[in-house]
C-alpha cells in the first residue's frame, strides 16, 4: 500500500508539471516528502488524542511510531517540514532561489533519518522489525542526494563591497564580540556533546553516572533514540562544530555559510524531538526529566538548539568575513587612488 501511494504521488506530481519545459529533479523529492509529512502529522495527532482511527493498521508494521520521540518527530515533520517544503516548491516555480531553505530542510531531514532508523534497529523494537520498515530506505538515501545537489549549486550571496570585506577580515576574533560570544557558546556545545556521548557509552566516571540518573534519565530509555542521538552528536556534530569554530576564526571560509544552515536545521530537529520526548506523557515516568532538575536540563537543551540558529542568522546577515579574501591592492579605495 505504501509503495502504491508513493508511486501515485510521483505520477500525480509528474502530471502536474508535464506542461513545463524543464523541471528541477528535486521537485519530485520534495513532493514525495510532502506526502509523508501529512502521515507524520496524522500520527502525532492520533497519539495525542486529537483524532482516532487512522494509524492502527500502520502501527502494526511500524510500532515505534507510538513512542514519545516518534510523536515529537511527527509534529516536526508535519508542521515544520511541510511548511518548508511548500515554500520551497512555491519559490521553485516562481523562479526564486530556494537553496538556503533547501539546506535547512536537508539538515533537518538527514538528522531525522540517521537517528530514527538506527534507533529502531538497536532499540527495544529491533526484535520486531517488519518488512515495511525497510520501505524507509528511499527516505534515508534521498535527503543525502538532495543535499549533495544543493551544496553543488551556486551559493546565494549578497553584494558586498571589496572595502567592507577587507575591513571585516582584518579584525581578529577579539574585535568581533558577536563572533567571540558565539565561539564560546559553540565550544560549550562541543563539550556538552562530548560529555553526553560518554554518558550513553556507560562511562564509569561518577559525574556521568550522576548525570544520567539524576538529570537526564531519558538517555537510558530502552527505545534507543536518545542514545543514538547522543552518538550522532559525538561522532558528527562535534567534528562539524570544530570546523565551524575554525571558520569563525579564519577569514574567507565561505563553506561556513552553507554548513551553518545545514547544522541549524539538524540541531533544531533533533533537540525538538529530544526535549519533547523527555517530557512527553508517553515516556515512562522514570525516564522523564526530574521535576527538581527541569530548569537546568531544559535550559541547556534549548540553548543547544538555539545557538546554531543564531549562528546561521549571524553568518547570513553579515557574511563579509566569510567571503573570498580580497587580494592586496584590490579594494575599492585602492582602485580609486590609482
Protein backbone atom coordinates (compact mmCIF):
# COMPACT_ATOMS: atom_id res chain seq x y z
CA UNK A 1 0.00 0.00 0.00
CA UNK A 2 2.84 2.38 0.85
CA UNK A 3 4.51 1.66 -2.49
CA UNK A 4 1.23 2.30 -4.33
CA UNK A 5 0.72 5.61 -2.50
CA UNK A 6 4.27 6.80 -3.19
CA UNK A 7 4.07 5.92 -6.87
CA UNK A 8 0.70 7.67 -7.05
CA UNK A 9 2.25 10.80 -5.56
CA UNK A 10 5.10 10.70 -8.07
CA UNK A 11 2.74 10.15 -11.01
CA UNK A 12 0.44 12.98 -9.93
CA UNK A 13 3.46 15.24 -9.39
CA UNK A 14 4.68 14.47 -12.90
CA UNK A 15 1.26 15.10 -14.43
CA UNK A 16 1.04 18.46 -12.66
CA UNK A 17 4.27 19.72 -14.25
CA UNK A 18 4.29 17.93 -17.62
CA UNK A 19 3.39 21.16 -19.41
CA UNK A 20 6.64 22.76 -18.22
CA UNK A 21 9.71 22.51 -20.44
CA UNK A 22 12.16 21.91 -17.62
CA UNK A 23 11.51 20.67 -14.08
CA UNK A 24 14.08 20.57 -11.30
CA UNK A 25 14.50 16.89 -10.31
CA UNK A 26 14.42 17.95 -6.66
CA UNK A 27 10.75 18.80 -7.16
CA UNK A 28 9.87 15.09 -7.13
CA UNK A 29 11.85 14.59 -3.91
CA UNK A 30 10.09 17.49 -2.23
CA UNK A 31 6.69 16.32 -3.48
CA UNK A 32 7.24 12.80 -2.12
CA UNK A 33 8.37 14.05 1.28
CA UNK A 34 5.39 16.43 1.43
CA UNK A 35 3.06 13.42 1.36
CA UNK A 36 4.92 11.74 4.23
CA UNK A 37 4.62 14.95 6.26
CA UNK A 38 0.85 14.53 6.30
CA UNK A 39 1.22 10.95 7.52
CA UNK A 40 3.52 12.20 10.27
CA UNK A 41 1.08 14.87 11.40
CA UNK A 42 -1.75 12.32 11.44
CA UNK A 43 0.39 10.03 13.61
CA UNK A 44 1.16 12.80 16.11
CA UNK A 45 -2.44 13.99 16.37
CA UNK A 46 -3.76 10.46 16.87
CA UNK A 47 -1.31 9.55 19.61
CA UNK A 48 -2.04 12.77 21.47
CA UNK A 49 -5.77 12.06 21.31
CA UNK A 50 -6.91 14.74 18.88
CA UNK A 51 -8.13 12.24 16.25
CA UNK A 52 -8.56 8.47 16.14
CA UNK A 53 -8.88 5.51 13.79
CA UNK A 54 -6.27 6.43 11.19
CA UNK A 55 -2.95 4.86 12.27
CA UNK A 56 -3.92 1.50 13.77
CA UNK A 57 -3.13 -0.54 10.65
CA UNK A 58 0.09 1.40 10.01
CA UNK A 59 1.37 0.84 13.55
CA UNK A 60 1.22 -2.93 13.06
CA UNK A 61 4.16 -2.57 10.71
CA UNK A 62 5.97 0.28 12.49
CA UNK A 63 5.12 0.14 16.21
CA UNK A 64 7.99 2.50 17.07
CA UNK A 65 5.84 5.37 15.77
CA UNK A 66 3.89 5.26 19.04
CA UNK A 67 6.92 6.32 21.13
CA UNK A 68 7.24 9.82 22.55
CA UNK A 69 10.27 10.52 20.38
CA UNK A 70 8.39 9.49 17.22
CA UNK A 71 5.36 11.59 18.17
CA UNK A 72 7.53 14.71 18.58
CA UNK A 73 9.33 13.82 15.35
CA UNK A 74 5.96 13.55 13.61
CA UNK A 75 4.90 17.00 14.81
CA UNK A 76 8.12 18.48 13.44
CA UNK A 77 7.68 16.64 10.17
CA UNK A 78 4.02 17.51 9.80
CA UNK A 79 4.40 21.22 10.61
CA UNK A 80 7.95 22.48 10.06
CA UNK A 81 8.97 20.20 7.19
CA UNK A 82 5.62 20.58 5.46
CA UNK A 83 5.72 24.39 5.59
CA UNK A 84 9.36 24.42 4.45
CA UNK A 85 8.56 22.15 1.51
CA UNK A 86 5.56 24.21 0.46
CA UNK A 87 7.66 27.40 0.50
CA UNK A 88 10.49 25.67 -1.39
CA UNK A 89 8.14 24.36 -4.11
CA UNK A 90 6.50 27.78 -4.39
CA UNK A 91 9.86 29.51 -4.81
CA UNK A 92 10.99 26.84 -7.26
CA UNK A 93 8.13 27.55 -9.68
CA UNK A 94 8.26 31.29 -9.06
CA UNK A 95 11.82 31.31 -10.36
CA UNK A 96 13.26 32.31 -6.99
CA UNK A 97 16.22 30.77 -5.20
CA UNK A 98 15.43 28.15 -2.58
CA UNK A 99 18.93 26.84 -1.88
CA UNK A 100 19.17 28.16 1.69
CA UNK A 101 15.75 26.81 2.65
CA UNK A 102 16.67 23.54 0.95
CA UNK A 103 19.81 23.22 3.09
CA UNK A 104 17.77 23.82 6.24
CA UNK A 105 15.36 21.08 5.19
CA UNK A 106 18.17 18.71 4.19
CA UNK A 107 19.95 19.11 7.54
CA UNK A 108 16.74 18.55 9.46
CA UNK A 109 15.66 15.53 7.38
CA UNK A 110 19.05 13.81 7.43
CA UNK A 111 19.25 14.25 11.22
CA UNK A 112 15.75 12.79 11.45
CA UNK A 113 16.70 9.71 9.43
CA UNK A 114 20.11 8.94 10.96
CA UNK A 115 18.56 8.87 14.43
CA UNK A 116 15.27 7.15 13.58
CA UNK A 117 16.47 4.17 11.56
CA UNK A 118 19.46 3.09 13.71
CA UNK A 119 17.36 3.81 16.81
CA UNK A 120 14.70 1.34 15.70
CA UNK A 121 17.31 -1.32 14.88
CA UNK A 122 19.26 -1.12 18.17
CA UNK A 123 16.36 -0.19 20.49
CA UNK A 124 13.64 -2.32 22.02
CA UNK A 125 11.74 -2.50 18.70
CA UNK A 126 14.72 -4.06 16.91
CA UNK A 127 13.48 -7.58 17.63
CA UNK A 128 10.14 -6.88 15.95
CA UNK A 129 11.13 -5.26 12.66
CA UNK A 130 8.62 -5.91 9.87
CA UNK A 131 9.39 -5.81 6.12
CA UNK A 132 7.55 -2.47 5.78
CA UNK A 133 10.26 -0.85 7.92
CA UNK A 134 12.77 -1.26 5.10
CA UNK A 135 10.49 0.90 2.98
CA UNK A 136 12.23 3.76 4.79
CA UNK A 137 15.37 3.13 2.70
CA UNK A 138 14.46 5.68 -0.03
CA UNK A 139 13.65 8.27 2.64
CA UNK A 140 17.08 7.63 4.16
CA UNK A 141 19.01 7.94 0.88
CA UNK A 142 17.13 10.70 -0.96
CA UNK A 143 17.92 13.51 1.53
CA UNK A 144 21.65 12.82 1.08
CA UNK A 145 21.29 13.06 -2.69
CA UNK A 146 19.21 16.24 -2.36
CA UNK A 147 21.81 17.75 0.00
CA UNK A 148 24.61 16.92 -2.45
CA UNK A 149 22.64 18.60 -5.25
CA UNK A 150 22.03 21.70 -3.15
CA UNK A 151 25.63 22.00 -1.93
CA UNK A 152 26.89 21.76 -5.52
CA UNK A 153 24.76 24.70 -6.69
CA UNK A 154 25.98 28.33 -6.61
CA UNK A 155 25.67 30.00 -3.24
CA UNK A 156 23.21 32.87 -2.74
CA UNK A 157 25.46 35.83 -1.97
CA UNK A 158 24.59 39.49 -1.30
CA UNK A 159 26.59 42.25 -2.96
CA UNK A 160 29.37 43.27 -0.57
CA UNK A 161 31.99 45.87 -1.47
CA UNK A 162 35.63 44.87 -1.52
CA UNK A 163 36.42 47.56 1.06
CA UNK A 164 33.94 46.09 3.54
CA UNK A 165 35.27 42.56 3.01
CA UNK A 166 38.83 43.75 3.60
CA UNK A 167 37.84 45.71 6.71
CA UNK A 168 35.96 42.78 8.25
CA UNK A 169 38.70 40.29 7.54
CA UNK A 170 41.34 42.46 9.22
CA UNK A 171 39.52 42.19 12.55
CA UNK A 172 40.65 39.50 14.93
CA UNK A 173 38.12 37.43 16.86
CA UNK A 174 38.60 39.64 19.94
CA UNK A 175 37.35 42.66 17.98
CA UNK A 176 34.25 40.82 16.75
CA UNK A 177 32.25 40.48 20.00
CA UNK A 178 29.29 38.63 18.47
CA UNK A 179 31.59 36.05 16.86
CA UNK A 180 33.55 35.74 20.10
CA UNK A 181 30.42 35.02 22.13
CA UNK A 182 29.18 32.54 19.52
CA UNK A 183 32.58 30.81 19.51
CA UNK A 184 32.46 30.40 23.28
CA UNK A 185 28.90 29.04 23.07
CA UNK A 186 29.97 26.61 20.34
CA UNK A 187 32.87 25.41 22.47
CA UNK A 188 30.39 24.86 25.31
CA UNK A 189 28.07 22.94 22.95
CA UNK A 190 31.02 20.85 21.79
CA UNK A 191 31.98 19.97 25.36
CA UNK A 192 28.38 19.16 26.31
CA UNK A 193 28.03 16.90 23.25
CA UNK A 194 31.24 15.03 24.10
CA UNK A 195 30.12 14.64 27.72
CA UNK A 196 26.71 13.22 26.83
CA UNK A 197 28.34 10.93 24.28
CA UNK A 198 30.47 9.49 27.08
CA UNK A 199 27.38 9.22 29.29
CA UNK A 200 25.47 6.99 26.85
CA UNK A 201 28.63 4.90 26.32
CA UNK A 202 28.41 3.98 30.04
CA UNK A 203 31.43 5.98 31.13
CA UNK A 204 32.27 4.86 34.72
CA UNK A 205 33.03 8.38 35.98
CA UNK A 206 30.85 9.49 38.90
CA UNK A 207 29.88 12.66 37.00
CA UNK A 208 28.45 10.63 34.12
CA UNK A 209 26.63 8.27 36.49
CA UNK A 210 25.11 11.19 38.41
CA UNK A 211 24.03 12.97 35.24
CA UNK A 212 22.20 10.05 33.63
CA UNK A 213 20.36 9.07 36.81
CA UNK A 214 19.66 12.46 38.37
CA UNK A 215 19.46 14.86 35.41
CA UNK A 216 18.64 13.12 32.10
CA UNK A 217 17.42 9.57 32.72
CA UNK A 218 15.78 9.82 29.28
CA UNK A 219 19.22 8.99 27.82
CA UNK A 220 18.80 5.40 29.03
CA UNK A 221 15.27 4.97 27.67
CA UNK A 222 15.25 1.48 26.04
CA UNK A 223 13.59 2.82 22.86
CA UNK A 224 17.16 3.64 21.75
CA UNK A 225 16.57 7.02 20.10
CA UNK A 226 18.19 9.19 22.81
CA UNK A 227 21.31 7.01 22.87
CA UNK A 228 21.69 7.09 19.09
CA UNK A 229 21.16 10.87 19.07
CA UNK A 230 23.98 11.42 21.57
CA UNK A 231 26.29 9.21 19.48
CA UNK A 232 25.37 11.19 16.36
CA UNK A 233 26.32 14.35 18.25
CA UNK A 234 29.59 12.81 19.39
CA UNK A 235 30.73 11.48 16.01
CA UNK A 236 29.16 14.01 13.61
CA UNK A 237 28.18 17.22 15.42
CA UNK A 238 31.47 17.54 17.31
CA UNK A 239 33.67 17.49 14.16
CA UNK A 240 31.30 19.93 12.45
CA UNK A 241 31.36 22.24 15.47
CA UNK A 242 35.15 22.16 15.38
CA UNK A 243 35.18 23.16 11.70
CA UNK A 244 32.69 25.99 12.28
CA UNK A 245 34.74 27.37 15.19
CA UNK A 246 37.78 27.32 12.88
CA UNK A 247 35.72 29.16 10.24
CA UNK A 248 34.78 31.88 12.73
CA UNK A 249 38.48 32.41 13.44
CA UNK A 250 39.83 32.22 9.88
CA UNK A 251 38.65 34.73 7.23
CA UNK A 252 37.41 33.62 3.83
CA UNK A 253 35.85 30.27 4.82
CA UNK A 254 32.80 30.55 2.55
CA UNK A 255 31.71 26.99 3.32
CA UNK A 256 30.71 28.18 6.81
CA UNK A 257 27.64 29.85 5.26
CA UNK A 258 26.33 26.52 4.00
CA UNK A 259 27.40 24.45 7.00
CA UNK A 260 25.65 26.72 9.49
CA UNK A 261 22.32 26.40 7.65
CA UNK A 262 22.62 22.62 7.42
CA UNK A 263 23.71 22.36 11.05
CA UNK A 264 20.97 24.68 12.30
CA UNK A 265 18.30 22.53 10.65
CA UNK A 266 19.78 19.33 12.09
CA UNK A 267 20.12 20.62 15.64
CA UNK A 268 16.67 22.22 15.73
CA UNK A 269 15.05 18.95 14.66
CA UNK A 270 16.98 16.66 16.99
CA UNK A 271 16.68 18.92 20.02
CA UNK A 272 12.94 19.40 19.47
CA UNK A 273 12.49 15.63 19.48
CA UNK A 274 14.84 15.13 22.44
CA UNK A 275 13.31 17.82 24.65
CA UNK A 276 9.75 16.85 23.74
CA UNK A 277 10.44 13.15 24.16
CA UNK A 278 11.97 13.64 27.61
CA UNK A 279 8.82 15.47 28.80
CA UNK A 280 6.05 13.68 26.89
CA UNK A 281 3.48 11.59 28.76
CA UNK A 282 4.21 8.58 26.53
CA UNK A 283 7.70 8.36 28.03
CA UNK A 284 7.67 6.24 31.22
CA UNK A 285 7.82 8.45 34.30
CA UNK A 286 11.18 7.02 35.43
CA UNK A 287 12.84 8.26 32.21
CA UNK A 288 11.40 11.78 32.22
CA UNK A 289 13.40 14.80 33.39
CA UNK A 290 13.08 15.02 37.20
CA UNK A 291 10.97 17.99 38.30
CA UNK A 292 13.74 19.41 40.51
CA UNK A 293 16.23 19.33 37.61
CA UNK A 294 13.79 20.61 34.98
CA UNK A 295 15.18 24.14 34.57
CA UNK A 296 18.91 23.38 34.15
CA UNK A 297 18.33 20.40 31.83
CA UNK A 298 15.74 22.06 29.61
CA UNK A 299 17.68 25.34 29.52
CA UNK A 300 20.85 23.59 28.36
CA UNK A 301 18.96 21.67 25.69
CA UNK A 302 17.11 24.77 24.43
CA UNK A 303 20.42 26.64 24.29
CA UNK A 304 21.94 23.77 22.31
CA UNK A 305 19.14 24.15 19.74
CA UNK A 306 19.25 27.97 19.69
CA UNK A 307 22.99 28.55 19.26
CA UNK A 308 23.26 27.00 15.74
CA UNK A 309 20.21 29.02 14.64
CA UNK A 310 21.69 32.25 16.00
CA UNK A 311 24.98 31.39 14.30
CA UNK A 312 23.28 30.85 10.93
CA UNK A 313 21.43 34.17 11.28
CA UNK A 314 24.67 35.98 12.12
CA UNK A 315 26.58 34.46 9.19
CA UNK A 316 23.90 35.27 6.62
CA UNK A 317 23.04 38.73 7.90
CA UNK A 318 26.66 39.91 7.60
CA UNK A 319 28.69 37.43 5.52
CA UNK A 320 31.62 39.73 4.64
CA UNK A 321 34.10 37.92 6.92
CA UNK A 322 33.41 34.59 5.19
CA UNK A 323 33.70 35.74 1.59
CA UNK A 324 36.77 35.12 -0.56
CA UNK A 325 39.65 37.26 0.72
CA UNK A 326 40.36 40.32 -1.38
CA UNK A 327 43.89 40.31 -2.88
CA UNK A 328 46.21 43.08 -1.74
CA UNK A 329 45.70 46.23 -3.81
CA UNK A 330 42.23 45.21 -4.99
CA UNK A 331 39.95 47.04 -2.55
CA UNK A 332 37.69 49.75 -3.92
CA UNK A 333 39.55 52.54 -2.15
CA UNK A 334 42.91 51.46 -3.55
CA UNK A 335 41.46 51.24 -7.05
CA UNK A 336 40.17 54.81 -6.73
CA UNK A 337 43.59 56.04 -5.63
CA UNK A 338 45.06 54.54 -8.79
